[in-house]
Amino acid sequence: MLADSYGRVATDLRVSLTDRCNLRCAYCMPPEGLDWLPRPELLTDEEVVRLVRIGVTLLGIREVRFTGGEPLLRRGLPGIVAATAALHPRPRTALTTNGIGLARLAPALAEAGLDRVNVSLDTLDPDVFEKLARRRRLDDVLAGLEAAARAGLAPVKVNAVLMRGVNDHEAPDLLDYCLERGYRLRFIEQMPLDAQHGWQRATMVTAEEILDRLGAAHTLTPVGAAGRGSAPAEEFLVDGGPATVGVIASVTRPFCGACDRVRLTADGQVRNCLFAREESDLRGPLRAGADDAEIAERWRAAVAAKLPGHGIDDPGFLQPARPMSAIGG
């Protein structure tokens, strides 16, 4: 198992396949973009599959989520998904994407064994989308959502980040849009993971504000009085259900104590937390000829050192050097 000293066990692996992205979302990177990782530093498809196999067969990983950057930019994605889905025991497979290109790739990904998708959608207004993402691609994202639903990549989940004075008024509209189409919407508090390090708590739209906005249009009833376990989202029945909406309050209502996630960056580094400032290298040993058992032991040691929480509320908190696009969600 991938256990830490606080009794948590990592069973959910987030694998970043690239740091590249075809959008420039304001809460992630500057308009001009970033310097991408040199290709020789990226794990090859075969190296990704080998590390995932070690995680699943030797270390108890039960769910594998492919992230980026934008993972649809990885040409070998369908093959990586197929190799992951063929493992025994078979892990659940998921993809977090901005949706651009999903309309074309959804059938192939479903055939390869992808179980479901999370698609980022922060607005239904083309002009606001362009302001936030600095690209005019809203129609492509909406088409990707529709294609994912048709391909059976269910439940189709939608992730939305609200920015004060930009799209925070759209919370009820986004919920209605998802309810009409059977998508599961989750709002995510903006986190200090932008490359510009411009995040400010005072300007973040909080979970409480999001719920107030939604509550003005719908009746929300908390789901699961016993707690959400390791799930990051607090779920609420909408108007009595069965539809739900979720809020991921990473900043104001942290859930570190039940975290079951571990991350692998596109260049082969283990990260125990989105906000970690330290990483553990697996790419070096892998390329130096280490066997599976040695890599597994290095991975165990990395997770054993996981800190108790992300520390955002600590006076000395510093953002990680890598932005979200280079970490993988």
C-alpha atoms as a PDB file:
ATOM      1  CA  MET A   1       0.000   0.000   0.000  1.00  0.00           C
ATOM      2  CA  LEU A   2       0.905   3.652  -0.385  1.00  0.00           C
ATOM      3  CA  ALA A   3       0.424   4.654   3.258  1.00  0.00           C
ATOM      4  CA  ASP A   4       1.587   7.807   5.013  1.00  0.00           C
ATOM      5  CA  SER A   5       2.437   8.371   8.672  1.00  0.00           C
ATOM      6  CA  TYR A   6      -1.046   9.782   9.386  1.00  0.00           C
ATOM      7  CA  GLY A   7      -2.884   6.608   8.438  1.00  0.00           C
ATOM      8  CA  ARG A   8      -4.029   7.729   4.996  1.00  0.00           C
ATOM      9  CA  VAL A   9      -3.707   5.304   2.087  1.00  0.00           C
ATOM     10  CA  ALA A  10      -3.388   6.555  -1.493  1.00  0.00           C
ATOM     11  CA  THR A  11      -5.570   4.574  -3.885  1.00  0.00           C
ATOM     12  CA  ASP A  12      -6.328   7.350  -6.414  1.00  0.00           C
ATOM     13  CA  LEU A  13      -3.527   8.138  -8.875  1.00  0.00           C
ATOM     14  CA  ARG A  14      -3.579  11.350 -10.913  1.00  0.00           C
ATOM     15  CA  VAL A  15      -1.270  11.052 -13.932  1.00  0.00           C
ATOM     16  CA  SER A  16      -0.287  14.210 -15.810  1.00  0.00           C
ATOM     17  CA  LEU A  17       0.431  13.344 -19.433  1.00  0.00           C
ATOM     18  CA  THR A  18       1.649  16.775 -20.538  1.00  0.00           C
ATOM     19  CA  ASP A  19       2.137  20.282 -19.203  1.00  0.00           C
ATOM     20  CA  ARG A  20       0.986  21.767 -22.515  1.00  0.00           C
ATOM     21  CA  CYS A  21      -2.436  23.330 -22.948  1.00  0.00           C
ATOM     22  CA  ASN A  22      -4.413  24.941 -25.762  1.00  0.00           C
ATOM     23  CA  LEU A  23      -6.118  27.455 -23.438  1.00  0.00           C
ATOM     24  CA  ARG A  24      -4.623  30.196 -21.264  1.00  0.00           C
ATOM     25  CA  CYS A  25      -7.077  30.318 -18.368  1.00  0.00           C
ATOM     26  CA  ALA A  26      -6.533  33.366 -16.178  1.00  0.00           C
ATOM     27  CA  TYR A  27      -6.444  31.346 -12.942  1.00  0.00           C
ATOM     28  CA  CYS A  28      -3.762  29.021 -14.327  1.00  0.00           C
ATOM     29  CA  MET A  29      -1.259  30.773 -16.592  1.00  0.00           C
ATOM     30  CA  PRO A  30      -0.362  34.139 -18.162  1.00  0.00           C
ATOM     31  CA  PRO A  31      -1.664  35.179 -21.625  1.00  0.00           C
ATOM     32  CA  GLU A  32       1.664  34.389 -23.281  1.00  0.00           C
ATOM     33  CA  GLY A  33       1.702  30.877 -21.871  1.00  0.00           C
ATOM     34  CA  LEU A  34       4.651  29.122 -20.225  1.00  0.00           C
ATOM     35  CA  ASP A  35       7.864  27.427 -21.208  1.00  0.00           C
ATOM     36  CA  TRP A  36       6.868  23.796 -21.764  1.00  0.00           C
ATOM     37  CA  LEU A  37       8.920  20.890 -20.518  1.00  0.00           C
ATOM     38  CA  PRO A  38      11.485  19.665 -23.092  1.00  0.00           C
ATOM     39  CA  ARG A  39      10.184  16.493 -24.728  1.00  0.00           C
ATOM     40  CA  PRO A  40      13.122  14.318 -23.601  1.00  0.00           C
ATOM     41  CA  GLU A  41      12.137  15.066 -19.994  1.00  0.00           C
ATOM     42  CA  LEU A  42       8.600  13.752 -20.474  1.00  0.00           C
ATOM     43  CA  LEU A  43       7.776  10.152 -19.705  1.00  0.00           C
ATOM     44  CA  THR A  44       7.249   8.086 -22.826  1.00  0.00           C
ATOM     45  CA  ASP A  45       3.963   6.233 -23.305  1.00  0.00           C
ATOM     46  CA  GLU A  46       5.680   3.009 -22.282  1.00  0.00           C
ATOM     47  CA  GLU A  47       7.125   4.627 -19.131  1.00  0.00           C
ATOM     48  CA  VAL A  48       3.718   6.015 -18.155  1.00  0.00           C
ATOM     49  CA  VAL A  49       2.119   2.601 -18.577  1.00  0.00           C
ATOM     50  CA  ARG A  50       4.864   0.882 -16.593  1.00  0.00           C
ATOM     51  CA  LEU A  51       4.512   3.270 -13.637  1.00  0.00           C
ATOM     52  CA  VAL A  52       0.722   2.951 -13.702  1.00  0.00           C
ATOM     53  CA  ARG A  53       1.087  -0.843 -13.785  1.00  0.00           C
ATOM     54  CA  ILE A  54       3.384  -0.749 -10.754  1.00  0.00           C
ATOM     55  CA  GLY A  55       0.904   1.475  -8.940  1.00  0.00           C
ATOM     56  CA  VAL A  56      -2.028  -0.811  -9.689  1.00  0.00           C
ATOM     57  CA  THR A  57      -0.475  -4.261  -9.327  1.00  0.00           C
ATOM     58  CA  LEU A  58       2.018  -3.625  -6.506  1.00  0.00           C
ATOM     59  CA  LEU A  59       0.762  -0.590  -4.588  1.00  0.00           C
ATOM     60  CA  GLY A  60      -3.024  -0.821  -4.409  1.00  0.00           C
ATOM     61  CA  ILE A  61      -4.031   1.964  -6.810  1.00  0.00           C
ATOM     62  CA  ARG A  62      -7.729   1.511  -7.685  1.00  0.00           C
ATOM     63  CA  GLU A  63      -8.471   4.610  -9.764  1.00  0.00           C
ATOM     64  CA  VAL A  64      -6.318   6.278 -12.415  1.00  0.00           C
ATOM     65  CA  ARG A  65      -7.193   9.742 -13.667  1.00  0.00           C
ATOM     66  CA  PHE A  66      -5.329  11.227 -16.619  1.00  0.00           C
ATOM     67  CA  THR A  67      -4.733  14.966 -16.444  1.00  0.00           C
ATOM     68  CA  GLY A  68      -2.510  17.675 -17.908  1.00  0.00           C
ATOM     69  CA  GLY A  69      -2.011  20.427 -18.935  1.00  0.00           C
ATOM     70  CA  GLU A  70      -4.499  19.215 -21.472  1.00  0.00           C
ATOM     71  CA  PRO A  71      -4.285  15.406 -21.773  1.00  0.00           C
ATOM     72  CA  LEU A  72      -6.106  15.314 -25.114  1.00  0.00           C
ATOM     73  CA  LEU A  73      -2.939  16.841 -26.606  1.00  0.00           C
ATOM     74  CA  ARG A  74      -1.093  13.592 -25.833  1.00  0.00           C
ATOM     75  CA  ARG A  75      -1.150  11.605 -29.079  1.00  0.00           C
ATOM     76  CA  GLY A  76      -0.738   8.296 -27.306  1.00  0.00           C
ATOM     77  CA  LEU A  77      -3.672   8.863 -24.942  1.00  0.00           C
ATOM     78  CA  PRO A  78      -5.988   6.133 -26.328  1.00  0.00           C
ATOM     79  CA  GLY A  79      -3.197   3.565 -26.117  1.00  0.00           C
ATOM     80  CA  ILE A  80      -2.299   4.576 -22.568  1.00  0.00           C
ATOM     81  CA  VAL A  81      -5.956   4.282 -21.565  1.00  0.00           C
ATOM     82  CA  ALA A  82      -6.268   0.867 -23.213  1.00  0.00           C
ATOM     83  CA  ALA A  83      -3.149  -0.452 -21.480  1.00  0.00           C
ATOM     84  CA  THR A  84      -4.412   0.851 -18.124  1.00  0.00           C
ATOM     85  CA  ALA A  85      -7.870  -0.662 -18.577  1.00  0.00           C
ATOM     86  CA  ALA A  86      -6.265  -4.026 -19.389  1.00  0.00           C
ATOM     87  CA  LEU A  87      -4.514  -4.240 -16.021  1.00  0.00           C
ATOM     88  CA  HIS A  88      -5.556  -6.767 -13.360  1.00  0.00           C
ATOM     89  CA  PRO A  89      -7.135  -5.801 -11.091  1.00  0.00           C
ATOM     90  CA  ARG A  90      -8.720  -3.319 -13.467  1.00  0.00           C
ATOM     91  CA  PRO A  91      -8.629   0.229 -12.092  1.00  0.00           C
ATOM     92  CA  ARG A  92     -11.382   2.757 -12.704  1.00  0.00           C
ATOM     93  CA  THR A  93     -10.248   5.180 -15.388  1.00  0.00           C
ATOM     94  CA  ALA A  94     -11.098   8.852 -15.775  1.00  0.00           C
ATOM     95  CA  LEU A  95      -9.950  11.938 -17.662  1.00  0.00           C
ATOM     96  CA  THR A  96      -9.888  15.600 -16.660  1.00  0.00           C
ATOM     97  CA  THR A  97      -9.967  17.823 -19.747  1.00  0.00           C
ATOM     98  CA  ASN A  98     -10.921  21.242 -21.053  1.00  0.00           C
ATOM     99  CA  GLY A  99     -13.036  19.434 -23.636  1.00  0.00           C
ATOM    100  CA  ILE A 100     -11.376  20.830 -26.769  1.00  0.00           C
ATOM    101  CA  GLY A 101     -10.949  17.861 -29.082  1.00  0.00           C
ATOM    102  CA  LEU A 102     -13.204  15.614 -27.026  1.00  0.00           C
ATOM    103  CA  ALA A 103     -15.908  15.665 -29.703  1.00  0.00           C
ATOM    104  CA  ARG A 104     -13.504  13.826 -31.997  1.00  0.00           C
ATOM    105  CA  LEU A 105     -11.809  11.567 -29.448  1.00  0.00           C
ATOM    106  CA  ALA A 106     -14.663  10.525 -27.134  1.00  0.00           C
ATOM    107  CA  PRO A 107     -15.661   7.369 -29.086  1.00  0.00           C
ATOM    108  CA  ALA A 108     -12.056   6.124 -29.310  1.00  0.00           C
ATOM    109  CA  LEU A 109     -11.452   6.783 -25.614  1.00  0.00           C
ATOM    110  CA  ALA A 110     -14.616   4.954 -24.629  1.00  0.00           C
ATOM    111  CA  GLU A 111     -13.605   2.000 -26.790  1.00  0.00           C
ATOM    112  CA  ALA A 112     -10.146   2.034 -25.200  1.00  0.00           C
ATOM    113  CA  GLY A 113     -11.693   1.604 -21.764  1.00  0.00           C
ATOM    114  CA  LEU A 114     -12.093   5.105 -20.364  1.00  0.00           C
ATOM    115  CA  ASP A 115     -14.912   5.085 -17.824  1.00  0.00           C
ATOM    116  CA  ARG A 116     -15.754   8.780 -17.416  1.00  0.00           C
ATOM    117  CA  VAL A 117     -14.665  12.378 -17.914  1.00  0.00           C
ATOM    118  CA  ASN A 118     -14.512  15.651 -16.007  1.00  0.00           C
ATOM    119  CA  VAL A 119     -14.759  18.680 -18.299  1.00  0.00           C
ATOM    120  CA  SER A 120     -13.924  22.237 -17.270  1.00  0.00           C
ATOM    121  CA  LEU A 121     -16.694  24.723 -18.068  1.00  0.00           C
ATOM    122  CA  ASP A 122     -16.622  28.070 -16.278  1.00  0.00           C
ATOM    123  CA  THR A 123     -19.169  30.000 -18.328  1.00  0.00           C
ATOM    124  CA  LEU A 124     -21.895  29.706 -20.960  1.00  0.00           C
ATOM    125  CA  ASP A 125     -21.136  33.138 -22.417  1.00  0.00           C
ATOM    126  CA  PRO A 126     -18.718  33.083 -25.412  1.00  0.00           C
ATOM    127  CA  ASP A 127     -17.348  36.519 -24.546  1.00  0.00           C
ATOM    128  CA  VAL A 128     -16.736  35.607 -20.909  1.00  0.00           C
ATOM    129  CA  PHE A 129     -15.136  32.334 -22.038  1.00  0.00           C
ATOM    130  CA  GLU A 130     -12.743  34.289 -24.225  1.00  0.00           C
ATOM    131  CA  LYS A 131     -11.941  36.642 -21.355  1.00  0.00           C
ATOM    132  CA  LEU A 132     -11.225  33.756 -18.979  1.00  0.00           C
ATOM    133  CA  ALA A 133      -9.524  31.294 -21.340  1.00  0.00           C
ATOM    134  CA  ARG A 134      -8.112  33.840 -23.826  1.00  0.00           C
ATOM    135  CA  ARG A 135      -9.395  31.676 -26.656  1.00  0.00           C
ATOM    136  CA  ARG A 136     -12.817  31.648 -28.340  1.00  0.00           C
ATOM    137  CA  ARG A 137     -13.521  27.921 -28.003  1.00  0.00           C
ATOM    138  CA  LEU A 138     -16.737  27.609 -25.988  1.00  0.00           C
ATOM    139  CA  ASP A 139     -18.571  25.798 -28.804  1.00  0.00           C
ATOM    140  CA  ASP A 140     -15.826  23.157 -28.904  1.00  0.00           C
ATOM    141  CA  VAL A 141     -16.159  22.522 -25.161  1.00  0.00           C
ATOM    142  CA  LEU A 142     -19.946  22.171 -25.354  1.00  0.00           C
ATOM    143  CA  ALA A 143     -19.592  19.806 -28.321  1.00  0.00           C
ATOM    144  CA  GLY A 144     -17.090  17.752 -26.329  1.00  0.00           C
ATOM    145  CA  LEU A 145     -19.527  17.393 -23.445  1.00  0.00           C
ATOM    146  CA  GLU A 146     -22.265  16.191 -25.786  1.00  0.00           C
ATOM    147  CA  ALA A 147     -19.917  13.694 -27.446  1.00  0.00           C
ATOM    148  CA  ALA A 148     -18.795  12.322 -24.093  1.00  0.00           C
ATOM    149  CA  ALA A 149     -22.398  11.713 -23.063  1.00  0.00           C
ATOM    150  CA  ARG A 150     -23.180   9.984 -26.382  1.00  0.00           C
ATOM    151  CA  ALA A 151     -20.097   7.768 -26.024  1.00  0.00           C
ATOM    152  CA  GLY A 152     -21.235   6.608 -22.587  1.00  0.00           C
ATOM    153  CA  LEU A 153     -18.449   8.272 -20.600  1.00  0.00           C
ATOM    154  CA  ALA A 154     -20.798   8.648 -17.683  1.00  0.00           C
ATOM    155  CA  PRO A 155     -21.364  10.260 -15.388  1.00  0.00           C
ATOM    156  CA  VAL A 156     -20.180  13.308 -17.324  1.00  0.00           C
ATOM    157  CA  LYS A 157     -18.916  15.717 -14.693  1.00  0.00           C
ATOM    158  CA  VAL A 158     -18.451  19.448 -15.172  1.00  0.00           C
ATOM    159  CA  ASN A 159     -15.915  21.455 -13.168  1.00  0.00           C
ATOM    160  CA  ALA A 160     -16.464  25.207 -12.790  1.00  0.00           C
ATOM    161  CA  VAL A 161     -14.292  27.877 -11.173  1.00  0.00           C
ATOM    162  CA  LEU A 162     -15.992  31.181 -10.379  1.00  0.00           C
ATOM    163  CA  MET A 163     -14.030  34.432 -10.605  1.00  0.00           C
ATOM    164  CA  ARG A 164     -15.327  37.463  -8.750  1.00  0.00           C
ATOM    165  CA  GLY A 165     -16.758  40.080 -11.079  1.00  0.00           C
ATOM    166  CA  VAL A 166     -16.228  37.877 -14.134  1.00  0.00           C
ATOM    167  CA  ASN A 167     -18.470  34.803 -14.067  1.00  0.00           C
ATOM    168  CA  ASP A 168     -19.653  34.477 -10.455  1.00  0.00           C
ATOM    169  CA  HIS A 169     -23.168  35.562 -11.468  1.00  0.00           C
ATOM    170  CA  GLU A 170     -23.458  32.485 -13.720  1.00  0.00           C
ATOM    171  CA  ALA A 171     -23.610  29.852 -10.988  1.00  0.00           C
ATOM    172  CA  PRO A 172     -27.392  29.233 -11.298  1.00  0.00           C
ATOM    173  CA  ASP A 173     -27.226  29.237 -15.113  1.00  0.00           C
ATOM    174  CA  LEU A 174     -24.426  26.676 -15.118  1.00  0.00           C
ATOM    175  CA  LEU A 175     -26.398  24.477 -12.756  1.00  0.00           C
ATOM    176  CA  ASP A 176     -29.559  24.687 -14.873  1.00  0.00           C
ATOM    177  CA  TYR A 177     -27.565  23.869 -18.012  1.00  0.00           C
ATOM    178  CA  CYS A 178     -26.118  20.743 -16.407  1.00  0.00           C
ATOM    179  CA  LEU A 179     -29.417  19.656 -14.868  1.00  0.00           C
ATOM    180  CA  GLU A 180     -31.122  19.811 -18.277  1.00  0.00           C
ATOM    181  CA  ARG A 181     -28.459  17.558 -19.829  1.00  0.00           C
ATOM    182  CA  GLY A 182     -27.813  15.146 -16.997  1.00  0.00           C
ATOM    183  CA  TYR A 183     -24.283  16.389 -16.298  1.00  0.00           C
ATOM    184  CA  ARG A 184     -22.993  16.503 -12.716  1.00  0.00           C
ATOM    185  CA  LEU A 185     -21.747  19.968 -11.856  1.00  0.00           C
ATOM    186  CA  ARG A 186     -19.062  20.695  -9.271  1.00  0.00           C
ATOM    187  CA  PHE A 187     -17.892  24.174  -8.357  1.00  0.00           C
ATOM    188  CA  ILE A 188     -14.250  24.456  -7.257  1.00  0.00           C
ATOM    189  CA  GLU A 189     -12.858  27.253  -5.145  1.00  0.00           C
ATOM    190  CA  GLN A 190     -10.037  29.029  -6.947  1.00  0.00           C
ATOM    191  CA  MET A 191      -6.760  27.718  -5.537  1.00  0.00           C
ATOM    192  CA  PRO A 192      -3.301  29.334  -5.272  1.00  0.00           C
ATOM    193  CA  LEU A 193      -1.846  27.402  -8.193  1.00  0.00           C
ATOM    194  CA  ASP A 194      -1.568  30.068 -10.895  1.00  0.00           C
ATOM    195  CA  ALA A 195       1.809  30.552 -12.576  1.00  0.00           C
ATOM    196  CA  GLN A 196       1.619  34.294 -11.931  1.00  0.00           C
ATOM    197  CA  HIS A 197       1.213  33.797  -8.143  1.00  0.00           C
ATOM    198  CA  GLY A 198      -1.515  36.412  -8.227  1.00  0.00           C
ATOM    199  CA  TRP A 199      -4.074  34.489  -6.144  1.00  0.00           C
ATOM    200  CA  GLN A 200      -5.607  36.451  -3.279  1.00  0.00           C
ATOM    201  CA  ARG A 201      -7.927  34.975  -0.681  1.00  0.00           C
ATOM    202  CA  ALA A 202      -9.953  38.191  -0.577  1.00  0.00           C
ATOM    203  CA  THR A 203     -10.961  37.907  -4.224  1.00  0.00           C
ATOM    204  CA  MET A 204     -11.720  34.172  -4.169  1.00  0.00           C
ATOM    205  CA  VAL A 205     -15.391  33.208  -4.456  1.00  0.00           C
ATOM    206  CA  THR A 206     -15.913  30.956  -1.445  1.00  0.00           C
ATOM    207  CA  ALA A 207     -18.014  27.822  -1.098  1.00  0.00           C
ATOM    208  CA  GLU A 208     -20.409  29.701   1.169  1.00  0.00           C
ATOM    209  CA  GLU A 209     -20.958  32.354  -1.503  1.00  0.00           C
ATOM    210  CA  ILE A 210     -21.465  29.715  -4.182  1.00  0.00           C
ATOM    211  CA  LEU A 211     -24.087  27.931  -2.104  1.00  0.00           C
ATOM    212  CA  ASP A 212     -25.847  31.231  -1.372  1.00  0.00           C
ATOM    213  CA  ARG A 213     -26.079  31.969  -5.102  1.00  0.00           C
ATOM    214  CA  LEU A 214     -27.387  28.499  -5.900  1.00  0.00           C
ATOM    215  CA  GLY A 215     -29.758  28.544  -2.938  1.00  0.00           C
ATOM    216  CA  ALA A 216     -31.461  31.653  -4.280  1.00  0.00           C
ATOM    217  CA  ALA A 217     -32.666  29.623  -7.280  1.00  0.00           C
ATOM    218  CA  HIS A 218     -32.880  26.059  -5.951  1.00  0.00           C
ATOM    219  CA  THR A 219     -33.431  24.157  -2.725  1.00  0.00           C
ATOM    220  CA  LEU A 220     -30.217  22.423  -1.714  1.00  0.00           C
ATOM    221  CA  THR A 221     -30.140  19.518   0.743  1.00  0.00           C
ATOM    222  CA  PRO A 222     -26.808  18.122   1.999  1.00  0.00           C
ATOM    223  CA  VAL A 223     -26.090  14.517   1.012  1.00  0.00           C
ATOM    224  CA  GLY A 224     -24.445  12.084   3.402  1.00  0.00           C
ATOM    225  CA  ALA A 225     -24.737  13.287   6.963  1.00  0.00           C
ATOM    226  CA  ALA A 226     -21.979  10.847   7.937  1.00  0.00           C
ATOM    227  CA  GLY A 227     -19.453  12.773   5.871  1.00  0.00           C
ATOM    228  CA  ARG A 228     -18.038  12.516   2.362  1.00  0.00           C
ATOM    229  CA  GLY A 229     -15.040  10.326   3.185  1.00  0.00           C
ATOM    230  CA  SER A 230     -12.209  10.889   0.725  1.00  0.00           C
ATOM    231  CA  ALA A 231     -14.430  12.502  -1.908  1.00  0.00           C
ATOM    232  CA  PRO A 232     -13.350  16.118  -2.457  1.00  0.00           C
ATOM    233  CA  ALA A 233     -16.840  17.465  -3.186  1.00  0.00           C
ATOM    234  CA  GLU A 234     -19.580  18.215  -0.695  1.00  0.00           C
ATOM    235  CA  GLU A 235     -22.735  17.029  -2.477  1.00  0.00           C
ATOM    236  CA  PHE A 236     -26.205  18.568  -2.312  1.00  0.00           C
ATOM    237  CA  LEU A 237     -29.510  17.286  -3.667  1.00  0.00           C
ATOM    238  CA  VAL A 238     -31.077  19.869  -5.967  1.00  0.00           C
ATOM    239  CA  ASP A 239     -34.787  20.464  -5.346  1.00  0.00           C
ATOM    240  CA  GLY A 240     -35.122  17.124  -3.593  1.00  0.00           C
ATOM    241  CA  GLY A 241     -33.049  15.147  -6.109  1.00  0.00           C
ATOM    242  CA  PRO A 242     -32.127  12.860  -7.633  1.00  0.00           C
ATOM    243  CA  ALA A 243     -29.815  15.396  -9.318  1.00  0.00           C
ATOM    244  CA  THR A 244     -26.956  16.767  -7.244  1.00  0.00           C
ATOM    245  CA  VAL A 245     -24.453  19.595  -7.299  1.00  0.00           C
ATOM    246  CA  GLY A 246     -21.060  19.528  -5.624  1.00  0.00           C
ATOM    247  CA  VAL A 247     -18.766  22.141  -4.120  1.00  0.00           C
ATOM    248  CA  ILE A 248     -15.052  21.495  -3.685  1.00  0.00           C
ATOM    249  CA  ALA A 249     -13.895  23.905  -0.990  1.00  0.00           C
ATOM    250  CA  SER A 250     -10.190  23.123  -0.972  1.00  0.00           C
ATOM    251  CA  VAL A 251      -9.362  26.437   0.673  1.00  0.00           C
ATOM    252  CA  THR A 252     -12.165  27.207   3.143  1.00  0.00           C
ATOM    253  CA  ARG A 253     -13.205  23.636   4.019  1.00  0.00           C
ATOM    254  CA  PRO A 254     -10.092  21.499   3.470  1.00  0.00           C
ATOM    255  CA  PHE A 255     -10.418  17.722   3.390  1.00  0.00           C
ATOM    256  CA  CYS A 256      -6.750  16.816   3.790  1.00  0.00           C
ATOM    257  CA  GLY A 257      -7.399  14.417   6.658  1.00  0.00           C
ATOM    258  CA  ALA A 258      -9.146  11.938   4.352  1.00  0.00           C
ATOM    259  CA  CYS A 259      -7.080  12.508   1.201  1.00  0.00           C
ATOM    260  CA  ASP A 260      -6.419   9.333  -0.815  1.00  0.00           C
ATOM    261  CA  ARG A 261      -4.685  10.903  -3.832  1.00  0.00           C
ATOM    262  CA  VAL A 262      -1.141  10.821  -5.144  1.00  0.00           C
ATOM    263  CA  ARG A 263       0.116  12.527  -8.279  1.00  0.00           C
ATOM    264  CA  LEU A 264       2.609  11.659 -10.983  1.00  0.00           C
ATOM    265  CA  THR A 265       3.847  14.560 -13.106  1.00  0.00           C
ATOM    266  CA  ALA A 266       4.482  14.338 -16.831  1.00  0.00           C
ATOM    267  CA  ASP A 267       8.224  14.205 -16.135  1.00  0.00           C
ATOM    268  CA  GLY A 268       7.947  11.337 -13.664  1.00  0.00           C
ATOM    269  CA  GLN A 269       7.886  13.035 -10.253  1.00  0.00           C
ATOM    270  CA  VAL A 270       5.696  11.863  -7.372  1.00  0.00           C
ATOM    271  CA  ARG A 271       3.752  14.636  -5.644  1.00  0.00           C
ATOM    272  CA  ASN A 272       1.778  13.955  -2.477  1.00  0.00           C
ATOM    273  CA  CYS A 273      -0.311  17.133  -2.692  1.00  0.00           C
ATOM    274  CA  LEU A 274      -1.231  19.816  -5.205  1.00  0.00           C
ATOM    275  CA  PHE A 275       0.531  22.281  -2.904  1.00  0.00           C
ATOM    276  CA  ALA A 276       3.618  20.193  -2.158  1.00  0.00           C
ATOM    277  CA  ARG A 277       6.955  21.953  -2.543  1.00  0.00           C
ATOM    278  CA  GLU A 278       8.904  18.701  -2.721  1.00  0.00           C
ATOM    279  CA  GLU A 279       8.841  15.904  -5.285  1.00  0.00           C
ATOM    280  CA  SER A 280      10.306  12.405  -5.516  1.00  0.00           C
ATOM    281  CA  ASP A 281      11.890  11.273  -8.758  1.00  0.00           C
ATOM    282  CA  LEU A 282      10.795   8.013 -10.373  1.00  0.00           C
ATOM    283  CA  ARG A 283      11.919   8.818 -13.903  1.00  0.00           C
ATOM    284  CA  GLY A 284      15.628   8.698 -13.031  1.00  0.00           C
ATOM    285  CA  PRO A 285      15.588   5.239 -11.418  1.00  0.00           C
ATOM    286  CA  LEU A 286      13.263   3.948 -14.123  1.00  0.00           C
ATOM    287  CA  ARG A 287      15.637   5.050 -16.893  1.00  0.00           C
ATOM    288  CA  ALA A 288      18.652   3.809 -14.925  1.00  0.00           C
ATOM    289  CA  GLY A 289      17.290   0.267 -15.013  1.00  0.00           C
ATOM    290  CA  ALA A 290      15.575  -0.069 -11.632  1.00  0.00           C
ATOM    291  CA  ASP A 291      13.234  -3.055 -11.404  1.00  0.00           C
ATOM    292  CA  ASP A 292       9.565  -2.814 -10.451  1.00  0.00           C
ATOM    293  CA  ALA A 293      10.180  -3.678  -6.803  1.00  0.00           C
ATOM    294  CA  GLU A 294      12.757  -0.898  -6.393  1.00  0.00           C
ATOM    295  CA  ILE A 295      10.499   1.675  -8.036  1.00  0.00           C
ATOM    296  CA  ALA A 296       7.603   0.563  -5.829  1.00  0.00           C
ATOM    297  CA  GLU A 297       9.747   0.955  -2.715  1.00  0.00           C
ATOM    298  CA  ARG A 298      10.799   4.481  -3.762  1.00  0.00           C
ATOM    299  CA  TRP A 299       7.138   5.320  -4.330  1.00  0.00           C
ATOM    300  CA  ARG A 300       6.195   4.011  -0.874  1.00  0.00           C
ATOM    301  CA  ALA A 301       8.924   6.111   0.724  1.00  0.00           C
ATOM    302  CA  ALA A 302       7.706   9.217  -1.101  1.00  0.00           C
ATOM    303  CA  VAL A 303       4.124   8.798   0.118  1.00  0.00           C
ATOM    304  CA  ALA A 304       5.220   7.961   3.661  1.00  0.00           C
ATOM    305  CA  ALA A 305       6.577  11.516   3.957  1.00  0.00           C
ATOM    306  CA  LYS A 306       3.243  13.188   3.107  1.00  0.00           C
ATOM    307  CA  LEU A 307       2.446  16.199   5.290  1.00  0.00           C
ATOM    308  CA  PRO A 308      -0.796  16.365   7.317  1.00  0.00           C
ATOM    309  CA  GLY A 309      -2.333  19.159   5.215  1.00  0.00           C
ATOM    310  CA  HIS A 310      -1.814  21.666   2.429  1.00  0.00           C
ATOM    311  CA  GLY A 311      -0.955  24.517   4.799  1.00  0.00           C
ATOM    312  CA  ILE A 312      -2.783  27.295   2.950  1.00  0.00           C
ATOM    313  CA  ASP A 313      -3.808  28.818   6.270  1.00  0.00           C
ATOM    314  CA  ASP A 314      -0.281  28.699   7.699  1.00  0.00           C
ATOM    315  CA  PRO A 315       1.432  32.106   8.049  1.00  0.00           C
ATOM    316  CA  GLY A 316       4.445  30.854   6.133  1.00  0.00           C
ATOM    317  CA  PHE A 317       2.500  29.276   3.246  1.00  0.00           C
ATOM    318  CA  LEU A 318       4.203  29.518  -0.124  1.00  0.00           C
ATOM    319  CA  GLN A 319       2.712  28.471  -3.433  1.00  0.00           C
ATOM    320  CA  PRO A 320       4.433  25.525  -5.107  1.00  0.00           C
ATOM    321  CA  ALA A 321       6.986  26.429  -7.730  1.00  0.00           C
ATOM    322  CA  ARG A 322       5.044  24.529 -10.381  1.00  0.00           C
ATOM    323  CA  PRO A 323       1.680  25.860 -11.539  1.00  0.00           C
ATOM    324  CA  MET A 324      -1.386  23.645 -11.927  1.00  0.00           C
ATOM    325  CA  SER A 325      -0.668  23.014 -15.611  1.00  0.00           C
ATOM    326  CA  ALA A 326       2.648  21.374 -14.715  1.00  0.00           C
ATOM    327  CA  ILE A 327       1.334  19.446 -11.708  1.00  0.00           C
ATOM    328  CA  GLY A 328      -1.825  17.857 -13.034  1.00  0.00           C
ATOM    329  CA  GLY A 329      -5.173  18.043 -11.239  1.00  0.00           C
END
